[in-house]
PDB file of all heavy atoms in Angstrom:
ATOM      1  N   LEU A   1      90.045 110.248  89.195  1.00  0.00           N
ATOM      2  CA  LEU A   1      90.795 109.176  89.832  1.00  0.00           C
ATOM      3  C   LEU A   1      90.055 107.853  89.658  1.00  0.00           C
ATOM      4  O   LEU A   1      88.844 107.781  89.894  1.00  0.00           O
ATOM      5  CB  LEU A   1      90.964 109.489  91.318  1.00  0.00           C
ATOM      6  CG  LEU A   1      91.948 108.626  92.111  1.00  0.00           C
ATOM      7  CD1 LEU A   1      93.377 108.967  91.706  1.00  0.00           C
ATOM      8  CD2 LEU A   1      91.766 108.864  93.607  1.00  0.00           C
ATOM      9  N   PRO A   2      90.739 106.797  89.257  1.00  0.00           N
ATOM     10  CA  PRO A   2      90.072 105.494  89.181  1.00  0.00           C
ATOM     11  C   PRO A   2      89.674 105.019  90.576  1.00  0.00           C
ATOM     12  O   PRO A   2      90.162 105.525  91.581  1.00  0.00           O
ATOM     13  CB  PRO A   2      91.142 104.587  88.564  1.00  0.00           C
ATOM     14  CG  PRO A   2      92.447 105.267  88.847  1.00  0.00           C
ATOM     15  CD  PRO A   2      92.151 106.737  88.848  1.00  0.00           C
ATOM     16  N   HIS A   3      88.791 104.044  90.638  1.00  0.00           N
ATOM     17  CA  HIS A   3      88.327 103.504  91.918  1.00  0.00           C
ATOM     18  C   HIS A   3      89.517 102.973  92.719  1.00  0.00           C
ATOM     19  O   HIS A   3      90.252 102.105  92.258  1.00  0.00           O
ATOM     20  CB  HIS A   3      87.319 102.387  91.670  1.00  0.00           C
ATOM     21  CG  HIS A   3      86.847 101.715  92.910  1.00  0.00           C
ATOM     22  ND1 HIS A   3      85.949 102.300  93.787  1.00  0.00           N
ATOM     23  CD2 HIS A   3      87.156 100.502  93.448  1.00  0.00           C
ATOM     24  CE1 HIS A   3      85.717 101.472  94.785  1.00  0.00           C
ATOM     25  NE2 HIS A   3      86.446 100.375  94.604  1.00  0.00           N
ATOM     26  N   VAL A   4      89.720 103.528  93.938  1.00  0.00           N
ATOM     27  CA  VAL A   4      90.863 103.131  94.761  1.00  0.00           C
ATOM     28  C   VAL A   4      90.386 102.801  96.174  1.00  0.00           C
ATOM     29  O   VAL A   4      89.948 103.680  96.916  1.00  0.00           O
ATOM     30  CB  VAL A   4      91.934 104.243  94.834  1.00  0.00           C
ATOM     31  CG1 VAL A   4      93.112 103.790  95.707  1.00  0.00           C
ATOM     32  CG2 VAL A   4      92.419 104.638  93.454  1.00  0.00           C
ATOM     33  N   LYS A   5      90.473 101.529  96.540  1.00  0.00           N
ATOM     34  CA  LYS A   5      90.188 101.124  97.909  1.00  0.00           C
ATOM     35  C   LYS A   5      91.407 101.430  98.776  1.00  0.00           C
ATOM     36  O   LYS A   5      92.539 101.343  98.312  1.00  0.00           O
ATOM     37  CB  LYS A   5      89.862  99.632  97.983  1.00  0.00           C
ATOM     38  CG  LYS A   5      88.462  99.285  97.484  1.00  0.00           C
ATOM     39  CD  LYS A   5      88.183  97.811  97.611  1.00  0.00           C
ATOM     40  CE  LYS A   5      88.288  97.306  99.062  1.00  0.00           C
ATOM     41  NZ  LYS A   5      87.262  97.888  99.946  1.00  0.00           N
ATOM     42  N   ILE A   6      91.170 101.792 100.037  1.00  0.00           N
ATOM     43  CA  ILE A   6      92.262 102.174 100.921  1.00  0.00           C
ATOM     44  C   ILE A   6      92.292 101.285 102.161  1.00  0.00           C
ATOM     45  O   ILE A   6      91.272 100.741 102.587  1.00  0.00           O
ATOM     46  CB  ILE A   6      92.151 103.650 101.340  1.00  0.00           C
ATOM     47  CG1 ILE A   6      90.814 103.927 102.041  1.00  0.00           C
ATOM     48  CG2 ILE A   6      92.340 104.565 100.134  1.00  0.00           C
ATOM     49  CD1 ILE A   6      90.675 105.347 102.575  1.00  0.00           C
ATOM     50  N   ASP A   7      93.484 101.151 102.721  1.00  0.00           N
ATOM     51  CA  ASP A   7      93.669 100.399 103.962  1.00  0.00           C
ATOM     52  C   ASP A   7      93.905 101.322 105.145  1.00  0.00           C
ATOM     53  O   ASP A   7      93.598 100.955 106.289  1.00  0.00           O
ATOM     54  CB  ASP A   7      94.869  99.458 103.818  1.00  0.00           C
ATOM     55  CG  ASP A   7      94.673  98.448 102.707  1.00  0.00           C
ATOM     56  OD1 ASP A   7      93.880  97.512 102.903  1.00  0.00           O
ATOM     57  OD2 ASP A   7      95.301  98.608 101.641  1.00  0.00           O
ATOM     58  N   GLN A   8      94.452 102.501 104.893  1.00  0.00           N
ATOM     59  CA  GLN A   8      94.803 103.410 105.979  1.00  0.00           C
ATOM     60  C   GLN A   8      94.615 104.858 105.554  1.00  0.00           C
ATOM     61  O   GLN A   8      94.856 105.213 104.396  1.00  0.00           O
ATOM     62  CB  GLN A   8      96.258 103.181 106.403  1.00  0.00           C
ATOM     63  CG  GLN A   8      96.742 104.086 107.530  1.00  0.00           C
ATOM     64  CD  GLN A   8      98.060 103.610 108.104  1.00  0.00           C
ATOM     65  OE1 GLN A   8      98.138 102.537 108.705  1.00  0.00           O
ATOM     66  NE2 GLN A   8      99.110 104.401 107.936  1.00  0.00           N
ATOM     67  N   VAL A   9      94.178 105.677 106.494  1.00  0.00           N
ATOM     68  CA  VAL A   9      94.107 107.130 106.314  1.00  0.00           C
ATOM     69  C   VAL A   9      94.982 107.770 107.375  1.00  0.00           C
ATOM     70  O   VAL A   9      94.839 107.479 108.571  1.00  0.00           O
ATOM     71  CB  VAL A   9      92.658 107.651 106.454  1.00  0.00           C
ATOM     72  CG1 VAL A   9      92.642 109.183 106.431  1.00  0.00           C
ATOM     73  CG2 VAL A   9      91.785 107.102 105.345  1.00  0.00           C
ATOM     74  N   PHE A  10      95.898 108.619 106.949  1.00  0.00           N
ATOM     75  CA  PHE A  10      96.750 109.365 107.881  1.00  0.00           C
ATOM     76  C   PHE A  10      96.380 110.838 107.792  1.00  0.00           C
ATOM     77  O   PHE A  10      96.598 111.485 106.769  1.00  0.00           O
ATOM     78  CB  PHE A  10      98.226 109.149 107.553  1.00  0.00           C
ATOM     79  CG  PHE A  10      99.164 110.060 108.313  1.00  0.00           C
ATOM     80  CD1 PHE A  10      98.932 110.394 109.642  1.00  0.00           C
ATOM     81  CD2 PHE A  10     100.291 110.581 107.692  1.00  0.00           C
ATOM     82  CE1 PHE A  10      99.791 111.236 110.333  1.00  0.00           C
ATOM     83  CE2 PHE A  10     101.162 111.420 108.369  1.00  0.00           C
ATOM     84  CZ  PHE A  10     100.907 111.757 109.695  1.00  0.00           C
ATOM     85  N   LEU A  11      95.804 111.355 108.865  1.00  0.00           N
ATOM     86  CA  LEU A  11      95.436 112.766 108.968  1.00  0.00           C
ATOM     87  C   LEU A  11      96.400 113.433 109.931  1.00  0.00           C
ATOM     88  O   LEU A  11      96.360 113.197 111.139  1.00  0.00           O
ATOM     89  CB  LEU A  11      93.999 112.906 109.475  1.00  0.00           C
ATOM     90  CG  LEU A  11      93.488 114.316 109.778  1.00  0.00           C
ATOM     91  CD1 LEU A  11      93.503 115.195 108.535  1.00  0.00           C
ATOM     92  CD2 LEU A  11      92.086 114.254 110.381  1.00  0.00           C
ATOM     93  N   GLY A  12      97.310 114.237 109.410  1.00  0.00           N
ATOM     94  CA  GLY A  12      98.306 114.884 110.257  1.00  0.00           C
ATOM     95  C   GLY A  12      99.467 115.392 109.434  1.00  0.00           C
ATOM     96  O   GLY A  12      99.320 115.705 108.255  1.00  0.00           O
ATOM     97  N   SER A  13     100.634 115.489 110.056  1.00  0.00           N
ATOM     98  CA  SER A  13     101.911 115.918 109.477  1.00  0.00           C
ATOM     99  C   SER A  13     102.075 117.431 109.545  1.00  0.00           C
ATOM    100  O   SER A  13     101.138 118.177 109.848  1.00  0.00           O
ATOM    101  CB  SER A  13     102.097 115.437 108.029  1.00  0.00           C
ATOM    102  OG  SER A  13     101.471 116.319 107.110  1.00  0.00           O
ATOM    103  N   CYS A  14     103.290 117.890 109.180  1.00  0.00           N
ATOM    104  CA  CYS A  14     103.577 119.328 109.159  1.00  0.00           C
ATOM    105  C   CYS A  14     102.840 120.028 108.035  1.00  0.00           C
ATOM    106  O   CYS A  14     102.773 121.252 107.992  1.00  0.00           O
ATOM    107  CB  CYS A  14     105.077 119.584 109.056  1.00  0.00           C
ATOM    108  SG  CYS A  14     105.884 118.823 107.625  1.00  0.00           S
ATOM    109  N   THR A  15     102.261 119.251 107.123  1.00  0.00           N
ATOM    110  CA  THR A  15     101.494 119.827 106.016  1.00  0.00           C
ATOM    111  C   THR A  15     100.051 120.107 106.413  1.00  0.00           C
ATOM    112  O   THR A  15      99.519 121.175 106.127  1.00  0.00           O
ATOM    113  CB  THR A  15     101.514 118.873 104.803  1.00  0.00           C
ATOM    114  OG1 THR A  15     102.836 118.402 104.579  1.00  0.00           O
ATOM    115  CG2 THR A  15     101.010 119.567 103.565  1.00  0.00           C
ATOM    116  N   ASN A  16      99.419 119.142 107.074  1.00  0.00           N
ATOM    117  CA  ASN A  16      97.984 119.258 107.365  1.00  0.00           C
ATOM    118  C   ASN A  16      97.604 118.667 108.722  1.00  0.00           C
ATOM    119  O   ASN A  16      96.625 117.933 108.833  1.00  0.00           O
ATOM    120  CB  ASN A  16      97.161 118.570 106.272  1.00  0.00           C
ATOM    121  CG  ASN A  16      97.003 119.397 105.016  1.00  0.00           C
ATOM    122  OD1 ASN A  16      97.318 118.945 103.924  1.00  0.00           O
ATOM    123  ND2 ASN A  16      96.521 120.624 105.156  1.00  0.00           N
ATOM    124  N   GLY A  17      98.360 119.007 109.753  1.00  0.00           N
ATOM    125  CA  GLY A  17      98.038 118.516 111.094  1.00  0.00           C
ATOM    126  C   GLY A  17      97.558 119.598 112.035  1.00  0.00           C
ATOM    127  O   GLY A  17      97.536 119.410 113.248  1.00  0.00           O
ATOM    128  N   ARG A  18      97.140 120.734 111.464  1.00  0.00           N
ATOM    129  CA  ARG A  18      96.705 121.840 112.311  1.00  0.00           C
ATOM    130  C   ARG A  18      95.207 121.743 112.630  1.00  0.00           C
ATOM    131  O   ARG A  18      94.473 120.959 112.027  1.00  0.00           O
ATOM    132  CB  ARG A  18      97.049 123.159 111.619  1.00  0.00           C
ATOM    133  CG  ARG A  18      98.547 123.471 111.686  1.00  0.00           C
ATOM    134  CD  ARG A  18      98.954 124.624 110.804  1.00  0.00           C
ATOM    135  NE  ARG A  18      99.154 124.245 109.424  1.00  0.00           N
ATOM    136  CZ  ARG A  18     100.270 123.674 108.959  1.00  0.00           C
ATOM    137  NH1 ARG A  18     101.274 123.402 109.767  1.00  0.00           N
ATOM    138  NH2 ARG A  18     100.392 123.359 107.679  1.00  0.00           N
ATOM    139  N   PHE A  19      94.781 122.540 113.600  1.00  0.00           N
ATOM    140  CA  PHE A  19      93.400 122.476 114.088  1.00  0.00           C
ATOM    141  C   PHE A  19      92.398 122.601 112.949  1.00  0.00           C
ATOM    142  O   PHE A  19      91.430 121.841 112.872  1.00  0.00           O
ATOM    143  CB  PHE A  19      93.161 123.586 115.123  1.00  0.00           C
ATOM    144  CG  PHE A  19      91.733 123.691 115.563  1.00  0.00           C
ATOM    145  CD1 PHE A  19      91.202 122.808 116.487  1.00  0.00           C
ATOM    146  CD2 PHE A  19      90.909 124.683 115.041  1.00  0.00           C
ATOM    147  CE1 PHE A  19      89.873 122.905 116.897  1.00  0.00           C
ATOM    148  CE2 PHE A  19      89.581 124.787 115.436  1.00  0.00           C
ATOM    149  CZ  PHE A  19      89.065 123.890 116.358  1.00  0.00           C
ATOM    150  N   GLU A  20      92.632 123.551 112.041  1.00  0.00           N
ATOM    151  CA  GLU A  20      91.710 123.756 110.923  1.00  0.00           C
ATOM    152  C   GLU A  20      91.578 122.495 110.070  1.00  0.00           C
ATOM    153  O   GLU A  20      90.492 122.182 109.572  1.00  0.00           O
ATOM    154  CB  GLU A  20      92.187 124.921 110.052  1.00  0.00           C
ATOM    155  CG  GLU A  20      92.106 126.279 110.713  1.00  0.00           C
ATOM    156  CD  GLU A  20      93.362 126.665 111.461  1.00  0.00           C
ATOM    157  OE1 GLU A  20      94.143 125.751 111.850  1.00  0.00           O
ATOM    158  OE2 GLU A  20      93.584 127.865 111.676  1.00  0.00           O
ATOM    159  N   ASP A  21      92.684 121.771 109.916  1.00  0.00           N
ATOM    160  CA  ASP A  21      92.667 120.547 109.126  1.00  0.00           C
ATOM    161  C   ASP A  21      91.849 119.457 109.810  1.00  0.00           C
ATOM    162  O   ASP A  21      91.043 118.769 109.173  1.00  0.00           O
ATOM    163  CB  ASP A  21      94.099 120.056 108.900  1.00  0.00           C
ATOM    164  CG  ASP A  21      94.978 121.091 108.230  1.00  0.00           C
ATOM    165  OD1 ASP A  21      94.512 121.716 107.259  1.00  0.00           O
ATOM    166  OD2 ASP A  21      96.120 121.283 108.673  1.00  0.00           O
ATOM    167  N   LEU A  22      92.075 119.302 111.116  1.00  0.00           N
ATOM    168  CA  LEU A  22      91.338 118.286 111.868  1.00  0.00           C
ATOM    169  C   LEU A  22      89.849 118.607 111.895  1.00  0.00           C
ATOM    170  O   LEU A  22      88.997 117.711 111.735  1.00  0.00           O
ATOM    171  CB  LEU A  22      91.876 118.196 113.294  1.00  0.00           C
ATOM    172  CG  LEU A  22      93.389 117.984 113.471  1.00  0.00           C
ATOM    173  CD1 LEU A  22      93.726 117.804 114.940  1.00  0.00           C
ATOM    174  CD2 LEU A  22      93.878 116.800 112.662  1.00  0.00           C
ATOM    175  N   LYS A  23      89.537 119.887 112.061  1.00  0.00           N
ATOM    176  CA  LYS A  23      88.137 120.303 112.112  1.00  0.00           C
ATOM    177  C   LYS A  23      87.427 120.022 110.788  1.00  0.00           C
ATOM    178  O   LYS A  23      86.292 119.519 110.769  1.00  0.00           O
ATOM    179  CB  LYS A  23      88.052 121.792 112.451  1.00  0.00           C
ATOM    180  CG  LYS A  23      86.630 122.321 112.571  1.00  0.00           C
ATOM    181  CD  LYS A  23      86.635 123.807 112.908  1.00  0.00           C
ATOM    182  CE  LYS A  23      85.215 124.352 112.990  1.00  0.00           C
ATOM    183  NZ  LYS A  23      85.206 125.816 113.254  1.00  0.00           N
ATOM    184  N   LEU A  24      88.101 120.317 109.680  1.00  0.00           N
ATOM    185  CA  LEU A  24      87.501 120.090 108.370  1.00  0.00           C
ATOM    186  C   LEU A  24      87.234 118.603 108.147  1.00  0.00           C
ATOM    187  O   LEU A  24      86.152 118.215 107.693  1.00  0.00           O
ATOM    188  CB  LEU A  24      88.412 120.636 107.272  1.00  0.00           C
ATOM    189  CG  LEU A  24      87.964 120.390 105.826  1.00  0.00           C
ATOM    190  CD1 LEU A  24      86.585 120.978 105.563  1.00  0.00           C
ATOM    191  CD2 LEU A  24      88.988 120.961 104.850  1.00  0.00           C
ATOM    192  N   ALA A  25      88.207 117.761 108.457  1.00  0.00           N
ATOM    193  CA  ALA A  25      88.019 116.321 108.276  1.00  0.00           C
ATOM    194  C   ALA A  25      86.873 115.816 109.137  1.00  0.00           C
ATOM    195  O   ALA A  25      86.052 114.999 108.678  1.00  0.00           O
ATOM    196  CB  ALA A  25      89.310 115.578 108.625  1.00  0.00           C
ATOM    197  N   ALA A  26      86.793 116.293 110.374  1.00  0.00           N
ATOM    198  CA  ALA A  26      85.724 115.865 111.277  1.00  0.00           C
ATOM    199  C   ALA A  26      84.356 116.301 110.756  1.00  0.00           C
ATOM    200  O   ALA A  26      83.377 115.552 110.852  1.00  0.00           O
ATOM    201  CB  ALA A  26      85.969 116.427 112.676  1.00  0.00           C
ATOM    202  N   GLU A  27      84.285 117.506 110.211  1.00  0.00           N
ATOM    203  CA  GLU A  27      83.014 117.993 109.665  1.00  0.00           C
ATOM    204  C   GLU A  27      82.563 117.140 108.488  1.00  0.00           C
ATOM    205  O   GLU A  27      81.370 116.831 108.338  1.00  0.00           O
ATOM    206  CB  GLU A  27      83.163 119.453 109.232  1.00  0.00           C
ATOM    207  CG  GLU A  27      83.269 120.433 110.402  1.00  0.00           C
ATOM    208  CD  GLU A  27      83.524 121.862 109.931  1.00  0.00           C
ATOM    209  OE1 GLU A  27      83.785 122.049 108.714  1.00  0.00           O
ATOM    210  OE2 GLU A  27      83.485 122.781 110.774  1.00  0.00           O
ATOM    211  N   VAL A  28      83.494 116.747 107.637  1.00  0.00           N
ATOM    212  CA  VAL A  28      83.148 115.923 106.491  1.00  0.00           C
ATOM    213  C   VAL A  28      82.677 114.540 106.949  1.00  0.00           C
ATOM    214  O   VAL A  28      81.718 113.980 106.401  1.00  0.00           O
ATOM    215  CB  VAL A  28      84.347 115.793 105.526  1.00  0.00           C
ATOM    216  CG1 VAL A  28      84.043 114.802 104.409  1.00  0.00           C
ATOM    217  CG2 VAL A  28      84.703 117.157 104.937  1.00  0.00           C
ATOM    218  N   MET A  29      83.324 113.999 107.977  1.00  0.00           N
ATOM    219  CA  MET A  29      82.952 112.670 108.482  1.00  0.00           C
ATOM    220  C   MET A  29      81.584 112.675 109.157  1.00  0.00           C
ATOM    221  O   MET A  29      80.891 111.663 109.153  1.00  0.00           O
ATOM    222  CB  MET A  29      84.017 112.189 109.471  1.00  0.00           C
ATOM    223  CG  MET A  29      85.365 111.894 108.835  1.00  0.00           C
ATOM    224  SD  MET A  29      86.648 111.486 110.051  1.00  0.00           S
ATOM    225  CE  MET A  29      86.068 109.875 110.617  1.00  0.00           C
ATOM    226  N   GLY A  30      81.207 113.811 109.735  1.00  0.00           N
ATOM    227  CA  GLY A  30      79.928 113.873 110.432  1.00  0.00           C
ATOM    228  C   GLY A  30      79.886 112.884 111.576  1.00  0.00           C
ATOM    229  O   GLY A  30      80.833 112.785 112.369  1.00  0.00           O
ATOM    230  N   ASP A  31      78.814 112.136 111.693  1.00  0.00           N
ATOM    231  CA  ASP A  31      78.674 111.136 112.753  1.00  0.00           C
ATOM    232  C   ASP A  31      78.942 109.720 112.246  1.00  0.00           C
ATOM    233  O   ASP A  31      78.627 108.741 112.932  1.00  0.00           O
ATOM    234  CB  ASP A  31      77.262 111.207 113.359  1.00  0.00           C
ATOM    235  CG  ASP A  31      77.001 112.531 114.068  1.00  0.00           C
ATOM    236  OD1 ASP A  31      77.956 113.057 114.676  1.00  0.00           O
ATOM    237  OD2 ASP A  31      75.857 113.036 113.988  1.00  0.00           O
ATOM    238  N   GLU A  32      79.521 109.619 111.052  1.00  0.00           N
ATOM    239  CA  GLU A  32      79.770 108.304 110.466  1.00  0.00           C
ATOM    240  C   GLU A  32      81.039 107.677 111.050  1.00  0.00           C
ATOM    241  O   GLU A  32      82.014 108.383 111.341  1.00  0.00           O
ATOM    242  CB  GLU A  32      79.924 108.416 108.949  1.00  0.00           C
ATOM    243  CG  GLU A  32      78.667 108.880 108.237  1.00  0.00           C
ATOM    244  CD  GLU A  32      77.535 107.881 108.377  1.00  0.00           C
ATOM    245  OE1 GLU A  32      77.803 106.667 108.272  1.00  0.00           O
ATOM    246  OE2 GLU A  32      76.389 108.329 108.601  1.00  0.00           O
ATOM    247  N   PRO A  33      81.063 106.361 111.210  1.00  0.00           N
ATOM    248  CA  PRO A  33      82.268 105.691 111.708  1.00  0.00           C
ATOM    249  C   PRO A  33      83.288 105.486 110.597  1.00  0.00           C
ATOM    250  O   PRO A  33      82.957 105.542 109.402  1.00  0.00           O
ATOM    251  CB  PRO A  33      81.726 104.350 112.202  1.00  0.00           C
ATOM    252  CG  PRO A  33      80.565 104.073 111.282  1.00  0.00           C
ATOM    253  CD  PRO A  33      79.941 105.426 111.005  1.00  0.00           C
ATOM    254  N   VAL A  34      84.520 105.243 110.997  1.00  0.00           N
ATOM    255  CA  VAL A  34      85.547 104.851 110.033  1.00  0.00           C
ATOM    256  C   VAL A  34      85.125 103.524 109.399  1.00  0.00           C
ATOM    257  O   VAL A  34      84.640 102.625 110.082  1.00  0.00           O
ATOM    258  CB  VAL A  34      86.912 104.701 110.733  1.00  0.00           C
ATOM    259  CG1 VAL A  34      87.965 104.180 109.766  1.00  0.00           C
ATOM    260  CG2 VAL A  34      87.360 106.038 111.323  1.00  0.00           C
ATOM    261  N   ALA A  35      85.287 103.441 108.086  1.00  0.00           N
ATOM    262  CA  ALA A  35      84.830 102.253 107.352  1.00  0.00           C
ATOM    263  C   ALA A  35      85.500 100.983 107.852  1.00  0.00           C
ATOM    264  O   ALA A  35      86.679 101.002 108.265  1.00  0.00           O
ATOM    265  CB  ALA A  35      85.107 102.436 105.861  1.00  0.00           C
ATOM    266  N   ARG A  36      84.762  99.895 107.823  1.00  0.00           N
ATOM    267  CA  ARG A  36      85.306  98.601 108.231  1.00  0.00           C
ATOM    268  C   ARG A  36      86.512  98.250 107.355  1.00  0.00           C
ATOM    269  O   ARG A  36      86.474  98.394 106.131  1.00  0.00           O
ATOM    270  CB  ARG A  36      84.238  97.529 108.106  1.00  0.00           C
ATOM    271  CG  ARG A  36      84.677  96.140 108.615  1.00  0.00           C
ATOM    272  CD  ARG A  36      83.563  95.132 108.447  1.00  0.00           C
ATOM    273  NE  ARG A  36      82.405  95.499 109.251  1.00  0.00           N
ATOM    274  CZ  ARG A  36      82.251  95.185 110.535  1.00  0.00           C
ATOM    275  NH1 ARG A  36      83.197  94.500 111.148  1.00  0.00           N
ATOM    276  NH2 ARG A  36      81.158  95.536 111.186  1.00  0.00           N
ATOM    277  N   GLY A  37      87.576  97.796 107.979  1.00  0.00           N
ATOM    278  CA  GLY A  37      88.777  97.429 107.240  1.00  0.00           C
ATOM    279  C   GLY A  37      89.737  98.570 107.006  1.00  0.00           C
ATOM    280  O   GLY A  37      90.796  98.370 106.406  1.00  0.00           O
ATOM    281  N   VAL A  38      89.379  99.782 107.470  1.00  0.00           N
ATOM    282  CA  VAL A  38      90.243 100.951 107.299  1.00  0.00           C
ATOM    283  C   VAL A  38      90.801 101.383 108.655  1.00  0.00           C
ATOM    284  O   VAL A  38      90.065 101.465 109.643  1.00  0.00           O
ATOM    285  CB  VAL A  38      89.477 102.128 106.662  1.00  0.00           C
ATOM    286  CG1 VAL A  38      90.349 103.389 106.626  1.00  0.00           C
ATOM    287  CG2 VAL A  38      89.033 101.764 105.252  1.00  0.00           C
ATOM    288  N   ARG A  39      92.088 101.650 108.686  1.00  0.00           N
ATOM    289  CA  ARG A  39      92.733 102.208 109.877  1.00  0.00           C
ATOM    290  C   ARG A  39      92.869 103.714 109.671  1.00  0.00           C
ATOM    291  O   ARG A  39      93.412 104.142 108.657  1.00  0.00           O
ATOM    292  CB  ARG A  39      94.116 101.596 110.096  1.00  0.00           C
ATOM    293  CG  ARG A  39      94.126 100.077 110.041  1.00  0.00           C
ATOM    294  CD  ARG A  39      95.522  99.513 110.298  1.00  0.00           C
ATOM    295  NE  ARG A  39      96.503  99.908 109.290  1.00  0.00           N
ATOM    296  CZ  ARG A  39      96.710  99.254 108.153  1.00  0.00           C
ATOM    297  NH1 ARG A  39      95.966  98.196 107.835  1.00  0.00           N
ATOM    298  NH2 ARG A  39      97.643  99.645 107.310  1.00  0.00           N
ATOM    299  N   MET A  40      92.407 104.504 110.612  1.00  0.00           N
ATOM    300  CA  MET A  40      92.567 105.951 110.521  1.00  0.00           C
ATOM    301  C   MET A  40      93.451 106.412 111.672  1.00  0.00           C
ATOM    302  O   MET A  40      93.149 106.164 112.847  1.00  0.00           O
ATOM    303  CB  MET A  40      91.227 106.675 110.588  1.00  0.00           C
ATOM    304  CG  MET A  40      91.360 108.181 110.384  1.00  0.00           C
ATOM    305  SD  MET A  40      89.765 109.051 110.445  1.00  0.00           S
ATOM    306  CE  MET A  40      90.260 110.675 109.818  1.00  0.00           C
ATOM    307  N   ILE A  41      94.558 107.072 111.320  1.00  0.00           N
ATOM    308  CA  ILE A  41      95.502 107.591 112.312  1.00  0.00           C
ATOM    309  C   ILE A  41      95.450 109.109 112.265  1.00  0.00           C
ATOM    310  O   ILE A  41      95.682 109.716 111.215  1.00  0.00           O
ATOM    311  CB  ILE A  41      96.936 107.101 112.037  1.00  0.00           C
ATOM    312  CG1 ILE A  41      96.977 105.569 112.041  1.00  0.00           C
ATOM    313  CG2 ILE A  41      97.901 107.666 113.069  1.00  0.00           C
ATOM    314  CD1 ILE A  41      98.330 105.003 111.647  1.00  0.00           C
ATOM    315  N   VAL A  42      95.142 109.718 113.389  1.00  0.00           N
ATOM    316  CA  VAL A  42      95.031 111.179 113.495  1.00  0.00           C
ATOM    317  C   VAL A  42      96.128 111.677 114.427  1.00  0.00           C
ATOM    318  O   VAL A  42      96.235 111.223 115.567  1.00  0.00           O
ATOM    319  CB  VAL A  42      93.653 111.598 114.040  1.00  0.00           C
ATOM    320  CG1 VAL A  42      93.558 113.122 114.132  1.00  0.00           C
ATOM    321  CG2 VAL A  42      92.537 111.036 113.159  1.00  0.00           C
ATOM    322  N   ILE A  43      96.944 112.617 113.942  1.00  0.00           N
ATOM    323  CA  ILE A  43      98.041 113.136 114.754  1.00  0.00           C
ATOM    324  C   ILE A  43      98.102 114.660 114.619  1.00  0.00           C
ATOM    325  O   ILE A  43      98.536 115.177 113.591  1.00  0.00           O
ATOM    326  CB  ILE A  43      99.398 112.535 114.338  1.00  0.00           C
ATOM    327  CG1 ILE A  43      99.322 111.007 114.280  1.00  0.00           C
ATOM    328  CG2 ILE A  43     100.480 112.974 115.326  1.00  0.00           C
ATOM    329  CD1 ILE A  43     100.612 110.337 113.874  1.00  0.00           C
ATOM    330  N   PRO A  44      97.671 115.399 115.643  1.00  0.00           N
ATOM    331  CA  PRO A  44      97.810 116.856 115.605  1.00  0.00           C
ATOM    332  C   PRO A  44      99.284 117.252 115.493  1.00  0.00           C
ATOM    333  O   PRO A  44     100.167 116.538 115.982  1.00  0.00           O
ATOM    334  CB  PRO A  44      97.209 117.298 116.943  1.00  0.00           C
ATOM    335  CG  PRO A  44      96.304 116.176 117.347  1.00  0.00           C
ATOM    336  CD  PRO A  44      96.980 114.932 116.858  1.00  0.00           C
ATOM    337  N   ALA A  45      99.542 118.383 114.855  1.00  0.00           N
ATOM    338  CA  ALA A  45     100.923 118.791 114.575  1.00  0.00           C
ATOM    339  C   ALA A  45     101.682 119.268 115.802  1.00  0.00           C
ATOM    340  O   ALA A  45     102.915 119.241 115.806  1.00  0.00           O
ATOM    341  CB  ALA A  45     100.934 119.882 113.501  1.00  0.00           C
ATOM    342  N   SER A  46     100.983 119.723 116.819  1.00  0.00           N
ATOM    343  CA  SER A  46     101.662 120.205 118.027  1.00  0.00           C
ATOM    344  C   SER A  46     100.762 119.999 119.230  1.00  0.00           C
ATOM    345  O   SER A  46      99.562 119.734 119.096  1.00  0.00           O
ATOM    346  CB  SER A  46     102.035 121.685 117.892  1.00  0.00           C
ATOM    347  OG  SER A  46     100.875 122.496 117.972  1.00  0.00           O
TER     348      SER A  46
END
């Protein structure tokens, strides 16, 4: 993939909004904050 800057991250939906999905994303993020200038929206599926 070429270098792609992002403005928003959407973690959720009927595709990937389950507990396992949220847990995996959180593990990858560790203790790091969301990057400056990026909006992150997290929505559990149920």
